[in-house]
C-alpha atoms as a PDB file:
ATOM      1  CA  ILE A   1      -0.052   0.160  -0.089  1.00  0.00           C
ATOM      2  CA  VAL A   2       1.162   3.294  -0.825  1.00  0.00           C
ATOM      3  CA  ALA A   3       0.187   6.655   0.486  1.00  0.00           C
ATOM      4  CA  LEU A   4       0.087   9.846  -1.332  1.00  0.00           C
ATOM      5  CA  LYS A   5      -0.269  13.105   0.571  1.00  0.00           C
ATOM      6  CA  GLY A   6      -1.576  15.930  -1.360  1.00  0.00           C
ATOM      7  CA  ILE A   7      -1.955  19.508  -0.295  1.00  0.00           C
ATOM      8  CA  GLY A   8      -3.174  21.884  -2.594  1.00  0.00           C
ATOM      9  CA  ASN A   9      -6.340  24.682  -2.957  1.00  0.00           C
ATOM     10  CA  GLY A  10      -6.141  24.934   0.622  1.00  0.00           C
ATOM     11  CA  PHE A  11      -7.293  21.318   1.724  1.00  0.00           C
ATOM     12  CA  SER A  12      -5.227  18.101   2.403  1.00  0.00           C
ATOM     13  CA  ASN A  13      -6.064  14.406   1.954  1.00  0.00           C
ATOM     14  CA  THR A  14      -4.104  11.362   1.578  1.00  0.00           C
ATOM     15  CA  LEU A  15      -4.742   8.521  -1.113  1.00  0.00           C
ATOM     16  CA  TYR A  16      -4.046   5.072  -0.449  1.00  0.00           C
ATOM     17  CA  PHE A  17      -3.274   2.499  -3.370  1.00  0.00           C
ATOM     18  CA  GLN A  18      -2.555  -0.836  -3.189  1.00  0.00           C
ATOM     19  CA  ARG A  19      -1.005  -2.960  -6.322  1.00  0.00           C
ATOM     20  CA  LYS A  20      -3.780  -5.466  -7.460  1.00  0.00           C
ATOM     21  CA  GLU A  21      -2.998  -7.910 -10.609  1.00  0.00           C
ATOM     22  CA  GLY A  22      -0.309  -5.609 -12.046  1.00  0.00           C
ATOM     23  CA  LYS A  23      -1.799  -2.406 -11.681  1.00  0.00           C
ATOM     24  CA  TRP A  24      -2.538   0.163  -8.926  1.00  0.00           C
ATOM     25  CA  GLU A  25      -6.089   0.863  -7.349  1.00  0.00           C
ATOM     26  CA  LEU A  26      -7.501   3.135  -4.926  1.00  0.00           C
ATOM     27  CA  TYR A  27      -7.525   1.437  -1.506  1.00  0.00           C
ATOM     28  CA  LYS A  28      -8.836   4.506   0.714  1.00  0.00           C
ATOM     29  CA  PHE A  29      -9.186   8.048   0.487  1.00  0.00           C
ATOM     30  CA  GLU A  30      -8.831  10.461   3.462  1.00  0.00           C
ATOM     31  CA  ASP A  31     -10.020  13.816   3.734  1.00  0.00           C
ATOM     32  CA  ILE A  32      -8.131  15.833   6.461  1.00  0.00           C
ATOM     33  CA  SER A  33      -9.301  19.300   5.422  1.00  0.00           C
ATOM     34  CA  ASN A  34     -11.812  19.808   8.227  1.00  0.00           C
END
């Protein structure tokens, strides 16, 4: 599982990706802006 933290436009979020069957798919999305 890979976590990508993005900050932009006044918000912060974290995207979690896991590799499945040779491709990356979104595992979890966390919005921590509030």
